[in-house]
N, C-alpha and C. Protein backbone atom coordinates (compact mmCIF):
# COMPACT_ATOMS: atom_id res chain seq x y z
N MET A 1 108.85 77.30 56.68
CA MET A 1 109.30 76.68 55.44
C MET A 1 108.09 76.47 54.53
N ARG A 2 108.21 76.87 53.29
CA ARG A 2 107.09 76.86 52.37
C ARG A 2 106.51 75.46 52.14
N LEU A 3 107.37 74.46 51.91
CA LEU A 3 106.88 73.10 51.68
C LEU A 3 106.12 72.57 52.89
N PHE A 4 106.65 72.83 54.07
CA PHE A 4 106.00 72.35 55.30
C PHE A 4 104.62 72.99 55.45
N ASN A 5 104.53 74.27 55.14
CA ASN A 5 103.25 74.98 55.22
C ASN A 5 102.24 74.47 54.19
N LEU A 6 102.74 73.87 53.10
CA LEU A 6 101.86 73.28 52.09
C LEU A 6 101.41 71.87 52.44
N GLY A 7 101.89 71.35 53.58
CA GLY A 7 101.46 70.03 54.03
C GLY A 7 102.48 68.92 53.84
N PHE A 8 103.66 69.23 53.31
CA PHE A 8 104.70 68.21 53.14
C PHE A 8 105.42 68.02 54.47
N ASN A 9 105.71 66.76 54.82
CA ASN A 9 106.42 66.52 56.08
C ASN A 9 107.54 65.48 55.93
N LYS A 10 107.81 65.05 54.71
CA LYS A 10 108.90 64.11 54.45
C LYS A 10 109.73 64.64 53.30
N ILE A 11 111.05 64.40 53.38
CA ILE A 11 111.93 64.85 52.31
C ILE A 11 113.06 63.86 52.12
N ARG A 12 113.44 63.62 50.87
CA ARG A 12 114.55 62.71 50.57
C ARG A 12 115.75 63.56 50.22
N VAL A 13 116.87 63.30 50.90
CA VAL A 13 118.09 64.04 50.60
C VAL A 13 119.06 63.14 49.87
N HIS A 14 119.83 63.76 48.96
CA HIS A 14 120.73 63.00 48.10
C HIS A 14 122.20 63.16 48.48
N ASN A 15 122.52 64.18 49.29
CA ASN A 15 123.92 64.36 49.70
C ASN A 15 123.98 65.19 50.96
N ILE A 16 125.17 65.27 51.53
CA ILE A 16 125.38 65.97 52.80
C ILE A 16 125.01 67.45 52.69
N SER A 17 125.28 68.07 51.57
CA SER A 17 124.96 69.49 51.45
C SER A 17 123.46 69.73 51.55
N GLU A 18 122.66 68.82 51.03
CA GLU A 18 121.21 68.97 51.17
C GLU A 18 120.78 68.78 52.62
N TYR A 19 121.44 67.87 53.30
CA TYR A 19 121.11 67.63 54.72
C TYR A 19 121.37 68.89 55.55
N ARG A 20 122.40 69.62 55.21
CA ARG A 20 122.80 70.77 56.01
C ARG A 20 121.78 71.91 55.95
N ARG A 21 120.86 71.86 55.00
CA ARG A 21 119.79 72.86 54.97
C ARG A 21 118.88 72.60 56.16
N ILE A 22 118.10 73.58 56.54
CA ILE A 22 117.24 73.42 57.71
C ILE A 22 115.93 72.75 57.29
N PHE A 23 115.68 71.57 57.88
CA PHE A 23 114.46 70.83 57.58
C PHE A 23 113.69 70.53 58.88
N ASP A 24 113.57 71.52 59.74
CA ASP A 24 112.85 71.33 61.00
C ASP A 24 111.43 70.85 60.72
N GLY A 25 111.02 69.80 61.41
CA GLY A 25 109.68 69.27 61.26
C GLY A 25 109.54 68.21 60.19
N PHE A 26 110.55 68.01 59.36
CA PHE A 26 110.50 67.03 58.29
C PHE A 26 111.12 65.70 58.73
N LYS A 27 110.55 64.62 58.26
CA LYS A 27 111.21 63.32 58.35
C LYS A 27 112.17 63.26 57.18
N ILE A 28 113.42 62.88 57.43
CA ILE A 28 114.44 62.88 56.39
C ILE A 28 114.77 61.45 55.99
N PHE A 29 114.74 61.20 54.68
CA PHE A 29 115.05 59.90 54.12
C PHE A 29 116.28 60.05 53.22
N GLY A 30 117.28 59.19 53.40
CA GLY A 30 118.49 59.25 52.60
C GLY A 30 118.34 58.46 51.32
N SER A 31 118.80 59.01 50.20
CA SER A 31 118.69 58.32 48.91
C SER A 31 119.95 57.50 48.63
N TYR A 32 119.93 56.76 47.52
CA TYR A 32 121.07 55.95 47.12
C TYR A 32 122.30 56.81 46.84
N ARG A 33 122.08 58.08 46.52
CA ARG A 33 123.21 58.97 46.23
C ARG A 33 124.04 59.28 47.48
N MET A 34 123.53 58.94 48.66
CA MET A 34 124.31 59.11 49.89
C MET A 34 125.42 58.05 49.96
N ASN A 35 125.35 57.05 49.09
CA ASN A 35 126.36 56.00 48.98
C ASN A 35 126.57 55.26 50.31
N ILE A 36 125.48 54.81 50.90
CA ILE A 36 125.53 54.08 52.16
C ILE A 36 125.98 52.65 51.87
N THR A 37 127.19 52.30 52.32
CA THR A 37 127.76 50.98 52.02
C THR A 37 128.17 50.20 53.25
N ASN A 38 127.91 50.73 54.46
CA ASN A 38 128.26 49.99 55.67
C ASN A 38 127.41 50.44 56.86
N SER A 39 127.45 49.66 57.94
CA SER A 39 126.61 49.97 59.09
C SER A 39 127.03 51.24 59.82
N ASN A 40 128.30 51.63 59.72
CA ASN A 40 128.73 52.90 60.33
C ASN A 40 128.06 54.08 59.65
N SER A 41 127.91 54.01 58.33
CA SER A 41 127.22 55.08 57.60
C SER A 41 125.75 55.15 58.01
N VAL A 42 125.13 54.00 58.19
CA VAL A 42 123.72 53.97 58.62
C VAL A 42 123.61 54.60 60.01
N LYS A 43 124.51 54.23 60.90
CA LYS A 43 124.49 54.77 62.27
C LYS A 43 124.69 56.28 62.26
N LEU A 44 125.61 56.78 61.44
CA LEU A 44 125.82 58.22 61.33
C LEU A 44 124.53 58.91 60.88
N CYS A 45 123.89 58.35 59.84
CA CYS A 45 122.64 58.94 59.34
C CYS A 45 121.54 58.89 60.39
N SER A 46 121.50 57.83 61.16
CA SER A 46 120.47 57.65 62.16
C SER A 46 120.71 58.50 63.41
N VAL A 47 121.84 58.27 64.05
CA VAL A 47 122.10 58.88 65.36
C VAL A 47 122.49 60.35 65.25
N ILE A 48 123.43 60.66 64.38
CA ILE A 48 123.95 62.03 64.29
C ILE A 48 123.04 62.93 63.45
N MET A 49 122.57 62.40 62.31
CA MET A 49 121.83 63.24 61.37
C MET A 49 120.31 63.13 61.53
N GLY A 50 119.84 62.14 62.26
CA GLY A 50 118.41 62.02 62.53
C GLY A 50 117.54 61.55 61.37
N PHE A 51 118.13 60.79 60.45
CA PHE A 51 117.34 60.28 59.31
C PHE A 51 116.29 59.29 59.80
N SER A 52 115.18 59.22 59.08
CA SER A 52 114.13 58.24 59.38
C SER A 52 114.39 56.91 58.68
N SER A 53 115.10 56.95 57.55
CA SER A 53 115.48 55.73 56.82
C SER A 53 116.60 56.08 55.85
N VAL A 54 117.26 55.02 55.35
CA VAL A 54 118.31 55.22 54.33
C VAL A 54 118.15 54.19 53.23
N MET A 55 118.42 54.63 52.00
CA MET A 55 118.47 53.71 50.88
C MET A 55 119.93 53.27 50.72
N LEU A 56 120.14 51.97 50.69
CA LEU A 56 121.49 51.45 50.57
C LEU A 56 122.00 51.58 49.14
N SER A 57 123.31 51.63 49.01
CA SER A 57 123.95 51.79 47.71
C SER A 57 123.56 50.64 46.78
N PRO A 58 123.28 50.92 45.51
CA PRO A 58 122.96 49.85 44.55
C PRO A 58 124.19 49.01 44.19
N GLU A 59 125.34 49.34 44.74
CA GLU A 59 126.55 48.59 44.47
C GLU A 59 126.74 47.42 45.42
N LEU A 60 125.84 47.26 46.39
CA LEU A 60 125.99 46.21 47.40
C LEU A 60 125.40 44.88 46.93
N SER A 61 125.99 43.81 47.43
CA SER A 61 125.47 42.46 47.17
C SER A 61 124.43 42.12 48.23
N ILE A 62 123.67 41.06 48.01
CA ILE A 62 122.66 40.65 48.98
C ILE A 62 123.27 40.36 50.35
N PRO A 63 124.39 39.62 50.47
CA PRO A 63 124.95 39.41 51.81
C PRO A 63 125.35 40.73 52.51
N GLN A 64 125.87 41.69 51.75
CA GLN A 64 126.21 42.98 52.35
C GLN A 64 124.95 43.72 52.80
N ILE A 65 123.91 43.69 51.97
CA ILE A 65 122.63 44.32 52.32
C ILE A 65 122.07 43.67 53.58
N ARG A 66 122.08 42.35 53.61
CA ARG A 66 121.57 41.60 54.77
C ARG A 66 122.29 42.02 56.05
N ASP A 67 123.61 42.08 56.01
CA ASP A 67 124.37 42.41 57.22
C ASP A 67 124.12 43.84 57.69
N ILE A 68 124.02 44.77 56.76
CA ILE A 68 123.75 46.16 57.14
C ILE A 68 122.34 46.30 57.69
N ALA A 69 121.36 45.71 57.01
CA ALA A 69 119.96 45.82 57.44
C ALA A 69 119.74 45.17 58.79
N LYS A 70 120.42 44.05 59.03
CA LYS A 70 120.26 43.31 60.29
C LYS A 70 120.63 44.17 61.50
N GLY A 71 121.68 44.98 61.37
CA GLY A 71 122.14 45.78 62.49
C GLY A 71 121.62 47.20 62.51
N SER A 72 120.74 47.54 61.61
CA SER A 72 120.28 48.92 61.50
C SER A 72 119.17 49.23 62.50
N ASP A 73 119.24 50.43 63.10
CA ASP A 73 118.18 50.85 64.01
C ASP A 73 117.14 51.74 63.31
N ILE A 74 117.33 51.98 62.01
CA ILE A 74 116.32 52.67 61.20
C ILE A 74 116.03 51.80 59.98
N PRO A 75 114.86 51.98 59.36
CA PRO A 75 114.54 51.17 58.18
C PRO A 75 115.54 51.37 57.05
N THR A 76 115.88 50.28 56.39
CA THR A 76 116.75 50.34 55.22
C THR A 76 115.91 50.08 53.98
N GLU A 77 116.35 50.65 52.88
CA GLU A 77 115.62 50.58 51.62
C GLU A 77 116.61 50.17 50.53
N VAL A 78 116.14 49.40 49.56
CA VAL A 78 116.96 49.06 48.40
C VAL A 78 116.16 49.31 47.13
N CYS A 79 116.87 49.65 46.06
CA CYS A 79 116.24 49.85 44.76
C CYS A 79 116.16 48.49 44.07
N VAL A 80 114.95 48.03 43.82
CA VAL A 80 114.75 46.72 43.21
C VAL A 80 114.29 46.80 41.76
N TYR A 81 114.08 48.02 41.27
CA TYR A 81 113.76 48.19 39.86
C TYR A 81 114.26 49.56 39.42
N GLY A 82 114.80 49.61 38.20
CA GLY A 82 115.12 50.89 37.59
C GLY A 82 116.36 50.85 36.74
N TYR A 83 116.43 51.81 35.82
CA TYR A 83 117.63 52.02 35.01
C TYR A 83 118.62 52.79 35.90
N GLN A 84 119.64 52.12 36.37
CA GLN A 84 120.58 52.74 37.31
C GLN A 84 121.42 53.81 36.61
N PRO A 85 121.62 54.95 37.29
CA PRO A 85 122.50 55.98 36.73
C PRO A 85 123.94 55.47 36.67
N LEU A 86 124.59 55.69 35.56
CA LEU A 86 125.99 55.30 35.40
C LEU A 86 126.91 56.51 35.49
N MET A 87 126.40 57.67 35.06
CA MET A 87 127.24 58.87 35.04
C MET A 87 126.35 60.11 35.06
N LEU A 88 126.82 61.13 35.77
CA LEU A 88 126.16 62.42 35.83
C LEU A 88 127.13 63.44 35.26
N THR A 89 126.67 64.25 34.30
CA THR A 89 127.56 65.25 33.70
C THR A 89 126.94 66.63 33.78
N GLU A 90 127.76 67.62 34.00
CA GLU A 90 127.30 69.01 33.96
C GLU A 90 127.16 69.48 32.51
N ASN A 91 127.84 68.80 31.61
CA ASN A 91 127.78 69.12 30.19
C ASN A 91 126.53 68.47 29.59
N CYS A 92 125.77 69.19 28.82
CA CYS A 92 124.53 68.68 28.24
C CYS A 92 124.84 67.70 27.10
N ILE A 93 124.70 66.42 27.37
CA ILE A 93 124.97 65.39 26.37
C ILE A 93 124.01 65.53 25.19
N LEU A 94 122.73 65.79 25.46
CA LEU A 94 121.74 65.88 24.39
C LEU A 94 122.04 67.03 23.44
N LYS A 95 122.53 68.13 23.98
CA LYS A 95 122.89 69.28 23.15
C LYS A 95 124.07 68.93 22.25
N ASN A 96 125.04 68.23 22.79
CA ASN A 96 126.24 67.87 22.02
C ASN A 96 125.96 66.80 20.97
N LEU A 97 124.92 66.00 21.16
CA LEU A 97 124.60 64.96 20.19
C LEU A 97 123.92 65.50 18.94
N ASP A 98 123.23 66.64 19.08
CA ASP A 98 122.41 67.12 17.98
C ASP A 98 122.64 68.59 17.66
N SER A 99 123.72 68.89 17.03
CA SER A 99 124.01 70.23 16.47
C SER A 99 123.81 71.38 17.45
N ASN A 100 124.19 71.20 18.65
CA ASN A 100 124.13 72.27 19.66
C ASN A 100 122.73 72.81 19.94
N SER A 101 121.69 72.05 19.60
CA SER A 101 120.35 72.51 19.97
C SER A 101 119.91 71.71 21.19
N CYS A 102 119.65 72.43 22.25
CA CYS A 102 119.33 71.78 23.53
C CYS A 102 117.93 71.18 23.48
N LYS A 103 117.87 69.88 23.74
CA LYS A 103 116.58 69.17 23.78
C LYS A 103 116.45 68.49 25.14
N CYS A 104 116.71 69.26 26.18
CA CYS A 104 116.77 68.69 27.54
C CYS A 104 115.45 68.12 28.03
N ASN A 105 114.35 68.49 27.43
CA ASN A 105 113.08 67.95 27.90
C ASN A 105 112.71 66.65 27.21
N SER A 106 113.60 66.15 26.37
CA SER A 106 113.35 64.86 25.72
C SER A 106 114.33 63.84 26.27
N ILE A 107 114.11 62.60 25.93
CA ILE A 107 115.02 61.52 26.33
C ILE A 107 115.88 61.19 25.13
N GLY A 108 117.18 61.21 25.34
CA GLY A 108 118.09 60.85 24.27
C GLY A 108 118.73 59.51 24.56
N CYS A 109 119.68 59.13 23.74
CA CYS A 109 120.41 57.91 24.04
C CYS A 109 121.76 57.92 23.34
N ILE A 110 122.66 57.18 23.94
CA ILE A 110 123.99 56.98 23.37
C ILE A 110 124.09 55.49 23.08
N THR A 111 124.61 55.14 21.91
CA THR A 111 124.76 53.74 21.53
C THR A 111 126.24 53.39 21.57
N ASP A 112 126.55 52.27 22.25
CA ASP A 112 127.96 51.87 22.33
C ASP A 112 128.35 51.02 21.13
N ARG A 113 129.59 50.58 21.07
CA ARG A 113 130.12 49.84 19.92
C ARG A 113 129.46 48.49 19.73
N LEU A 114 128.78 47.97 20.78
CA LEU A 114 128.07 46.69 20.68
C LEU A 114 126.60 46.86 20.31
N GLY A 115 126.18 48.12 20.13
CA GLY A 115 124.79 48.38 19.77
C GLY A 115 123.86 48.56 20.97
N LYS A 116 124.38 48.54 22.19
CA LYS A 116 123.56 48.76 23.39
C LYS A 116 123.20 50.23 23.47
N LYS A 117 121.94 50.51 23.78
CA LYS A 117 121.46 51.89 23.88
C LYS A 117 121.36 52.29 25.35
N PHE A 118 122.01 53.40 25.68
CA PHE A 118 122.02 53.93 27.03
C PHE A 118 121.21 55.22 27.07
N PRO A 119 120.05 55.22 27.75
CA PRO A 119 119.22 56.43 27.80
C PRO A 119 119.95 57.58 28.50
N VAL A 120 119.68 58.80 28.04
CA VAL A 120 120.20 60.02 28.66
C VAL A 120 118.99 60.87 29.03
N ILE A 121 118.90 61.24 30.32
CA ILE A 121 117.80 62.07 30.78
C ILE A 121 118.35 63.33 31.45
N LYS A 122 117.49 64.30 31.60
CA LYS A 122 117.83 65.57 32.25
C LYS A 122 117.71 65.39 33.77
N ASP A 123 118.59 66.05 34.52
CA ASP A 123 118.54 66.02 35.98
C ASP A 123 118.37 67.45 36.48
N GLY A 124 117.21 67.76 36.98
CA GLY A 124 116.97 69.11 37.50
C GLY A 124 116.50 70.07 36.42
N THR A 125 116.66 71.35 36.72
CA THR A 125 116.15 72.38 35.80
C THR A 125 117.21 72.90 34.84
N ASN A 126 118.46 72.52 35.05
CA ASN A 126 119.50 72.97 34.12
C ASN A 126 119.82 71.86 33.12
N CYS A 127 120.91 71.98 32.42
CA CYS A 127 121.26 71.01 31.38
C CYS A 127 122.12 69.86 31.90
N ARG A 128 122.05 69.54 33.16
CA ARG A 128 122.80 68.40 33.70
C ARG A 128 122.20 67.13 33.11
N SER A 129 123.07 66.21 32.67
CA SER A 129 122.63 64.96 32.04
C SER A 129 122.95 63.76 32.91
N VAL A 130 122.06 62.77 32.88
CA VAL A 130 122.28 61.51 33.57
C VAL A 130 122.28 60.41 32.51
N LEU A 131 123.38 59.68 32.43
CA LEU A 131 123.48 58.53 31.54
C LEU A 131 123.02 57.31 32.33
N LEU A 132 122.00 56.62 31.82
CA LEU A 132 121.43 55.46 32.52
C LEU A 132 121.95 54.16 31.92
N ASN A 133 121.87 53.10 32.71
CA ASN A 133 122.26 51.78 32.22
C ASN A 133 121.38 51.39 31.03
N SER A 134 121.87 50.50 30.20
CA SER A 134 121.15 50.12 28.98
C SER A 134 119.94 49.24 29.27
N CYS A 135 119.89 48.62 30.42
CA CYS A 135 118.73 47.81 30.80
C CYS A 135 118.46 47.99 32.29
N PRO A 136 117.22 47.77 32.72
CA PRO A 136 116.88 48.02 34.12
C PRO A 136 117.31 46.90 35.05
N THR A 137 117.51 47.28 36.31
CA THR A 137 117.62 46.29 37.38
C THR A 137 116.21 45.74 37.58
N PHE A 138 116.08 44.45 37.71
CA PHE A 138 114.77 43.82 37.89
C PHE A 138 114.88 42.72 38.92
N MET A 139 114.08 42.81 40.00
CA MET A 139 114.15 41.83 41.08
C MET A 139 112.76 41.33 41.51
N ALA A 140 111.72 41.57 40.73
CA ALA A 140 110.36 41.18 41.13
C ALA A 140 110.27 39.69 41.43
N ASP A 141 110.97 38.87 40.65
CA ASP A 141 110.90 37.43 40.85
C ASP A 141 111.81 36.95 41.98
N LYS A 142 112.50 37.86 42.65
CA LYS A 142 113.41 37.51 43.75
C LYS A 142 112.99 38.17 45.06
N MET A 143 111.79 38.74 45.11
CA MET A 143 111.37 39.49 46.28
C MET A 143 111.23 38.63 47.53
N GLU A 144 110.81 37.39 47.39
CA GLU A 144 110.69 36.52 48.57
C GLU A 144 112.05 36.35 49.24
N GLU A 145 113.08 36.23 48.44
CA GLU A 145 114.44 36.11 48.99
C GLU A 145 114.83 37.39 49.74
N LEU A 146 114.56 38.54 49.14
CA LEU A 146 114.93 39.80 49.77
C LEU A 146 114.15 40.07 51.04
N LYS A 147 112.91 39.62 51.12
CA LYS A 147 112.07 39.89 52.29
C LYS A 147 112.59 39.19 53.55
N CYS A 148 113.50 38.26 53.41
CA CYS A 148 114.06 37.55 54.57
C CYS A 148 115.14 38.37 55.28
N TYR A 149 115.53 39.51 54.74
CA TYR A 149 116.73 40.19 55.22
C TYR A 149 116.50 41.50 55.96
N ASN A 150 115.36 41.70 56.55
CA ASN A 150 115.09 42.88 57.38
C ASN A 150 115.10 44.19 56.58
N ILE A 151 114.92 44.10 55.27
CA ILE A 151 114.81 45.30 54.45
C ILE A 151 113.36 45.77 54.59
N LYS A 152 113.19 47.03 54.94
CA LYS A 152 111.84 47.54 55.24
C LYS A 152 111.15 48.21 54.06
N MET A 153 111.94 48.73 53.11
CA MET A 153 111.35 49.46 51.99
C MET A 153 112.04 49.07 50.69
N TYR A 154 111.25 49.07 49.62
CA TYR A 154 111.75 48.72 48.30
C TYR A 154 111.42 49.85 47.35
N ASN A 155 112.38 50.24 46.53
CA ASN A 155 112.23 51.38 45.64
C ASN A 155 112.12 50.91 44.19
N LEU A 156 111.10 51.41 43.50
CA LEU A 156 110.96 51.23 42.06
C LEU A 156 111.22 52.60 41.45
N ASN A 157 112.27 52.71 40.66
CA ASN A 157 112.69 54.00 40.13
C ASN A 157 112.36 54.08 38.64
N PHE A 158 111.32 54.82 38.29
CA PHE A 158 110.88 54.93 36.90
C PHE A 158 111.46 56.19 36.25
N THR A 159 112.01 56.03 35.05
CA THR A 159 112.63 57.15 34.34
C THR A 159 112.21 57.22 32.88
N VAL A 160 112.35 56.12 32.13
CA VAL A 160 112.10 56.14 30.69
C VAL A 160 110.97 55.20 30.27
N GLU A 161 110.27 54.62 31.22
CA GLU A 161 109.23 53.64 30.94
C GLU A 161 107.94 54.32 30.48
N SER A 162 107.19 53.62 29.66
CA SER A 162 105.87 54.11 29.24
C SER A 162 104.87 53.84 30.37
N PRO A 163 103.72 54.51 30.35
CA PRO A 163 102.70 54.24 31.37
C PRO A 163 102.30 52.76 31.42
N ASN A 164 102.20 52.12 30.26
CA ASN A 164 101.84 50.70 30.22
C ASN A 164 102.92 49.83 30.87
N GLU A 165 104.18 50.14 30.60
CA GLU A 165 105.29 49.40 31.22
C GLU A 165 105.27 49.57 32.74
N ILE A 166 105.03 50.79 33.19
CA ILE A 166 104.99 51.06 34.64
C ILE A 166 103.90 50.22 35.29
N LYS A 167 102.74 50.16 34.65
CA LYS A 167 101.62 49.38 35.18
C LYS A 167 101.99 47.90 35.29
N ARG A 168 102.61 47.34 34.25
CA ARG A 168 103.00 45.93 34.26
C ARG A 168 104.07 45.65 35.31
N ILE A 169 105.03 46.56 35.44
CA ILE A 169 106.11 46.40 36.42
C ILE A 169 105.53 46.45 37.84
N CYS A 170 104.66 47.40 38.10
CA CYS A 170 104.04 47.50 39.44
C CYS A 170 103.24 46.24 39.76
N LYS A 171 102.52 45.71 38.79
CA LYS A 171 101.76 44.47 39.03
C LYS A 171 102.70 43.31 39.32
N ALA A 172 103.85 43.28 38.67
CA ALA A 172 104.82 42.20 38.93
C ALA A 172 105.31 42.27 40.36
N TYR A 173 105.58 43.46 40.88
CA TYR A 173 106.08 43.62 42.24
C TYR A 173 104.97 43.52 43.29
N LEU A 174 103.83 44.11 43.02
CA LEU A 174 102.77 44.17 44.04
C LEU A 174 101.83 42.96 44.03
N CYS A 175 101.61 42.37 42.86
CA CYS A 175 100.63 41.30 42.74
C CYS A 175 101.25 39.97 42.33
N GLY A 176 102.55 39.97 42.08
CA GLY A 176 103.21 38.74 41.65
C GLY A 176 102.90 38.34 40.22
N GLU A 177 102.42 39.30 39.42
CA GLU A 177 102.10 39.00 38.02
C GLU A 177 103.36 38.54 37.29
N ASN A 178 103.19 37.60 36.40
CA ASN A 178 104.32 37.04 35.67
C ASN A 178 104.75 37.99 34.55
N TYR A 179 105.71 38.83 34.85
CA TYR A 179 106.23 39.78 33.86
C TYR A 179 107.73 39.95 34.10
N ARG A 180 108.48 40.00 33.01
CA ARG A 180 109.90 40.32 33.05
C ARG A 180 110.22 41.17 31.84
N PRO A 181 111.05 42.20 32.01
CA PRO A 181 111.48 42.96 30.84
C PRO A 181 112.26 42.04 29.89
N GLU A 182 112.29 42.36 28.62
CA GLU A 182 113.04 41.56 27.65
C GLU A 182 114.49 41.40 28.07
N GLU A 183 115.08 42.49 28.48
CA GLU A 183 116.48 42.48 28.92
C GLU A 183 116.54 43.18 30.28
N PHE A 184 117.26 42.61 31.22
CA PHE A 184 117.40 43.23 32.54
C PHE A 184 118.69 42.76 33.18
N THR A 185 119.01 43.38 34.30
CA THR A 185 120.20 43.01 35.06
C THR A 185 119.82 42.81 36.52
N ARG A 186 120.64 42.08 37.24
CA ARG A 186 120.47 41.95 38.70
C ARG A 186 121.41 42.92 39.40
N MET A 187 122.04 43.80 38.61
CA MET A 187 123.02 44.77 39.10
C MET A 187 124.05 44.04 39.96
N HIS A 188 124.24 44.49 41.18
CA HIS A 188 125.28 43.89 42.03
C HIS A 188 124.71 42.98 43.11
N PHE A 189 123.41 42.70 43.06
CA PHE A 189 122.79 41.89 44.10
C PHE A 189 123.50 40.55 44.31
N TYR A 190 123.95 39.94 43.23
CA TYR A 190 124.54 38.60 43.35
C TYR A 190 126.05 38.58 43.15
N LYS A 191 126.64 39.71 42.85
CA LYS A 191 128.10 39.70 42.68
C LYS A 191 128.81 40.78 43.45
N GLY A 192 128.17 41.91 43.72
CA GLY A 192 128.82 43.00 44.45
C GLY A 192 129.98 43.60 43.68
N ILE A 193 130.61 44.61 44.25
CA ILE A 193 131.80 45.18 43.63
C ILE A 193 132.98 45.21 44.59
N PHE A 194 132.72 44.96 45.86
CA PHE A 194 133.80 45.05 46.85
C PHE A 194 134.44 43.70 47.07
């Protein structure tokens, strides 16, 4: 395998079809797109599929995350920062917004009736579009609470941030620096959807 020969030994998979490819010699990590929402899914990924870790669904509440992580035999991961994807489209949103000229290498946005701006980014090498939430999930000031729940890894997902914003966000998470985005959400950590 070309990547393995180049020195790579870890890979993150986003769905079952990616898992079915041959990744001999790689440690496999499941992403949030695997939609892991219960301990049976974790066990399937661990025992049957041989994953090294799984990222839990961003739709879970803290009690659900706690219960899944407590019984997991592989490390669990949660996304604690990022503009969460709301929709994935095969149709190029950016092309449709601006006179059919494809601007897939730029970041666009859609504004709703309340004036909220939702970033649109490109996914992959084709014109697939990802519509992101209007504000990021932010949990830097709640990390002590999360660390009590057997969660082994925390994901910061950067998409539309400037280099300066990334630096400030990383310092907030890694050094406890006092920083909060102007507008943010706790996503489903405190309310869940189930």
